[in-house]
């Protein structure tokens, strides 16, 4: 997803959860708190990669579901 967003010239912050504990905790906060992860957790998956838009306004797991034009305006 990182390469895809870069190629589309979309501004984003990339966080690697294995880089440090803060990044892992941030991801786990979303994973444990947001209903978008319910099906993923029930099926035993982690939920990565994912794109969190505007602090959880939307969480996308499939890049084909992104509204690229809307993201470019942000």
N, C-alpha and C. Protein backbone atom coordinates (compact mmCIF):
# COMPACT_ATOMS: atom_id res chain seq x y z
N UNK A 1 0.81 -1.19 0.00
CA UNK A 1 0.00 0.00 0.00
C UNK A 1 0.86 1.26 0.00
N UNK A 2 1.99 1.18 0.67
CA UNK A 2 2.88 2.34 0.73
C UNK A 2 3.28 2.79 -0.68
N UNK A 3 3.68 1.83 -1.50
CA UNK A 3 4.09 2.14 -2.87
C UNK A 3 2.89 2.66 -3.69
N UNK A 4 1.75 2.05 -3.49
CA UNK A 4 0.54 2.47 -4.21
C UNK A 4 0.20 3.92 -3.89
N UNK A 5 0.20 4.28 -2.60
CA UNK A 5 -0.13 5.65 -2.21
C UNK A 5 0.90 6.64 -2.74
N UNK A 6 2.17 6.27 -2.70
CA UNK A 6 3.23 7.13 -3.23
C UNK A 6 3.05 7.35 -4.73
N UNK A 7 2.76 6.28 -5.44
CA UNK A 7 2.58 6.39 -6.89
C UNK A 7 1.39 7.27 -7.25
N UNK A 8 0.38 7.29 -6.39
CA UNK A 8 -0.81 8.12 -6.62
C UNK A 8 -0.62 9.54 -6.09
N UNK A 9 0.56 9.82 -5.54
CA UNK A 9 0.90 11.13 -4.99
C UNK A 9 -0.07 11.57 -3.88
N UNK A 10 -0.41 10.63 -3.01
CA UNK A 10 -1.28 10.90 -1.87
C UNK A 10 -0.40 11.09 -0.64
N UNK A 11 -0.66 12.16 0.08
CA UNK A 11 0.10 12.43 1.30
C UNK A 11 -0.34 11.44 2.37
N UNK A 12 0.64 10.82 3.04
CA UNK A 12 0.32 9.86 4.10
C UNK A 12 1.50 9.75 5.06
N UNK A 13 1.18 9.21 6.23
CA UNK A 13 2.21 8.90 7.23
C UNK A 13 2.26 7.39 7.31
N UNK A 14 3.44 6.84 7.10
CA UNK A 14 3.62 5.40 7.14
C UNK A 14 4.14 5.00 8.51
N UNK A 15 3.45 4.06 9.15
CA UNK A 15 3.91 3.56 10.44
C UNK A 15 4.16 2.07 10.34
N UNK A 16 5.36 1.66 10.72
CA UNK A 16 5.74 0.26 10.75
C UNK A 16 5.57 -0.20 12.20
N UNK A 17 4.65 -1.14 12.45
CA UNK A 17 4.37 -1.53 13.84
C UNK A 17 5.53 -2.28 14.49
N UNK A 18 6.47 -2.76 13.69
CA UNK A 18 7.62 -3.46 14.26
C UNK A 18 8.78 -2.50 14.56
N UNK A 19 8.61 -1.24 14.21
CA UNK A 19 9.67 -0.25 14.42
C UNK A 19 9.84 0.13 15.89
N UNK A 20 8.71 0.31 16.58
CA UNK A 20 8.80 0.66 18.00
C UNK A 20 7.46 0.36 18.67
N UNK A 21 7.45 0.41 20.00
CA UNK A 21 6.25 0.09 20.77
C UNK A 21 5.13 1.11 20.56
N UNK A 22 5.48 2.37 20.37
CA UNK A 22 4.46 3.40 20.16
C UNK A 22 3.62 3.09 18.92
N UNK A 23 4.28 2.73 17.83
CA UNK A 23 3.55 2.40 16.60
C UNK A 23 2.66 1.18 16.81
N UNK A 24 3.17 0.17 17.50
CA UNK A 24 2.38 -1.03 17.77
C UNK A 24 1.17 -0.68 18.64
N UNK A 25 1.38 0.12 19.67
CA UNK A 25 0.27 0.52 20.54
C UNK A 25 -0.78 1.31 19.78
N UNK A 26 -0.35 2.19 18.89
CA UNK A 26 -1.30 2.97 18.09
C UNK A 26 -2.16 2.04 17.24
N UNK A 27 -1.52 1.06 16.59
CA UNK A 27 -2.28 0.11 15.78
C UNK A 27 -3.25 -0.68 16.63
N UNK A 28 -2.78 -1.18 17.78
CA UNK A 28 -3.64 -2.00 18.64
C UNK A 28 -4.83 -1.20 19.18
N UNK A 29 -4.64 0.10 19.40
CA UNK A 29 -5.75 0.94 19.83
C UNK A 29 -6.86 0.94 18.78
N UNK A 30 -6.47 1.11 17.53
CA UNK A 30 -7.46 1.08 16.45
C UNK A 30 -8.08 -0.31 16.34
N UNK A 31 -7.25 -1.32 16.36
CA UNK A 31 -7.72 -2.69 16.18
C UNK A 31 -8.69 -3.11 17.28
N UNK A 32 -8.41 -2.68 18.49
CA UNK A 32 -9.26 -3.08 19.61
C UNK A 32 -10.49 -2.20 19.78
N UNK A 33 -10.50 -1.02 19.18
CA UNK A 33 -11.57 -0.05 19.42
C UNK A 33 -12.54 0.17 18.27
N UNK A 34 -12.15 -0.11 17.06
CA UNK A 34 -12.96 0.24 15.91
C UNK A 34 -13.68 -0.98 15.34
N UNK A 35 -14.98 -0.83 15.06
CA UNK A 35 -15.77 -1.97 14.57
C UNK A 35 -15.33 -2.51 13.20
N UNK A 36 -14.59 -1.73 12.44
CA UNK A 36 -14.13 -2.20 11.12
C UNK A 36 -13.24 -3.44 11.26
N UNK A 37 -12.66 -3.65 12.43
CA UNK A 37 -11.77 -4.79 12.64
C UNK A 37 -12.50 -6.04 13.14
N UNK A 38 -13.79 -5.96 13.42
CA UNK A 38 -14.52 -7.08 14.02
C UNK A 38 -14.42 -8.35 13.20
N UNK A 39 -14.75 -8.27 11.91
CA UNK A 39 -14.69 -9.47 11.07
C UNK A 39 -13.28 -10.00 10.95
N UNK A 40 -12.32 -9.10 10.90
CA UNK A 40 -10.92 -9.51 10.78
C UNK A 40 -10.48 -10.27 12.02
N UNK A 41 -10.81 -9.75 13.19
CA UNK A 41 -10.44 -10.43 14.44
C UNK A 41 -11.15 -11.78 14.56
N UNK A 42 -12.43 -11.83 14.19
CA UNK A 42 -13.19 -13.07 14.26
C UNK A 42 -12.61 -14.16 13.37
N UNK A 43 -12.01 -13.76 12.26
CA UNK A 43 -11.42 -14.75 11.35
C UNK A 43 -9.97 -15.06 11.68
N UNK A 44 -9.46 -14.46 12.77
CA UNK A 44 -8.10 -14.77 13.22
C UNK A 44 -7.01 -14.04 12.47
N UNK A 45 -7.39 -12.99 11.72
CA UNK A 45 -6.39 -12.22 10.99
C UNK A 45 -5.95 -11.02 11.81
N UNK A 46 -4.87 -10.38 11.40
CA UNK A 46 -4.30 -9.25 12.13
C UNK A 46 -4.96 -7.93 11.71
N UNK A 47 -5.16 -7.74 10.43
CA UNK A 47 -5.74 -6.49 9.94
C UNK A 47 -4.73 -5.56 9.31
N UNK A 48 -3.65 -6.15 8.85
CA UNK A 48 -2.61 -5.38 8.17
C UNK A 48 -2.41 -5.92 6.77
N UNK A 49 -2.12 -5.09 5.83
CA UNK A 49 -2.02 -3.63 5.93
C UNK A 49 -3.41 -3.01 6.00
N UNK A 50 -3.44 -1.82 6.54
CA UNK A 50 -4.68 -1.05 6.55
C UNK A 50 -4.34 0.43 6.41
N UNK A 51 -5.32 1.18 5.98
CA UNK A 51 -5.16 2.62 5.84
C UNK A 51 -6.19 3.26 6.77
N UNK A 52 -5.71 4.04 7.72
CA UNK A 52 -6.58 4.75 8.64
C UNK A 52 -6.67 6.19 8.14
N UNK A 53 -7.87 6.62 7.85
CA UNK A 53 -8.09 7.96 7.29
C UNK A 53 -8.65 8.86 8.38
N UNK A 54 -7.98 10.01 8.55
CA UNK A 54 -8.43 11.02 9.50
C UNK A 54 -8.72 10.46 10.89
N UNK A 55 -7.72 9.83 11.48
CA UNK A 55 -7.82 9.32 12.86
C UNK A 55 -8.99 8.38 13.08
N UNK A 56 -9.30 7.57 12.09
CA UNK A 56 -10.33 6.55 12.24
C UNK A 56 -11.66 6.87 11.61
N UNK A 57 -11.74 8.00 10.91
CA UNK A 57 -12.98 8.34 10.19
C UNK A 57 -13.36 7.19 9.26
N UNK A 58 -12.37 6.58 8.68
CA UNK A 58 -12.56 5.40 7.84
C UNK A 58 -11.31 4.55 7.94
N UNK A 59 -11.49 3.24 7.83
CA UNK A 59 -10.36 2.32 7.83
C UNK A 59 -10.54 1.40 6.64
N UNK A 60 -9.54 1.37 5.78
CA UNK A 60 -9.59 0.62 4.52
C UNK A 60 -8.59 -0.52 4.56
N UNK A 61 -9.04 -1.69 4.13
CA UNK A 61 -8.15 -2.86 4.08
C UNK A 61 -7.84 -3.28 2.64
N UNK A 62 -8.58 -2.75 1.70
CA UNK A 62 -8.41 -3.11 0.29
C UNK A 62 -8.26 -1.82 -0.52
N UNK A 63 -7.10 -1.64 -1.12
CA UNK A 63 -6.82 -0.39 -1.84
C UNK A 63 -7.81 -0.12 -2.97
N UNK A 64 -8.47 -1.16 -3.48
CA UNK A 64 -9.45 -0.93 -4.55
C UNK A 64 -10.68 -0.18 -4.03
N UNK A 65 -10.85 -0.10 -2.72
CA UNK A 65 -12.00 0.59 -2.14
C UNK A 65 -11.70 2.06 -1.83
N UNK A 66 -10.48 2.50 -2.09
CA UNK A 66 -10.10 3.89 -1.82
C UNK A 66 -10.68 4.84 -2.85
N UNK A 67 -11.13 5.97 -2.38
CA UNK A 67 -11.56 7.06 -3.26
C UNK A 67 -10.32 7.95 -3.47
N UNK A 68 -9.53 7.61 -4.48
CA UNK A 68 -8.25 8.28 -4.73
C UNK A 68 -8.42 9.78 -4.91
N UNK A 69 -9.41 10.20 -5.66
CA UNK A 69 -9.61 11.62 -5.91
C UNK A 69 -9.90 12.38 -4.62
N UNK A 70 -10.69 11.81 -3.74
CA UNK A 70 -11.00 12.46 -2.47
C UNK A 70 -9.76 12.56 -1.59
N UNK A 71 -8.93 11.53 -1.60
CA UNK A 71 -7.71 11.56 -0.79
C UNK A 71 -6.72 12.59 -1.28
N UNK A 72 -6.69 12.81 -2.56
CA UNK A 72 -5.76 13.80 -3.11
C UNK A 72 -6.14 15.22 -2.69
N UNK A 73 -7.40 15.42 -2.38
CA UNK A 73 -7.86 16.75 -1.96
C UNK A 73 -7.54 17.05 -0.50
N UNK A 74 -7.24 16.03 0.27
CA UNK A 74 -6.98 16.23 1.70
C UNK A 74 -5.58 16.72 1.96
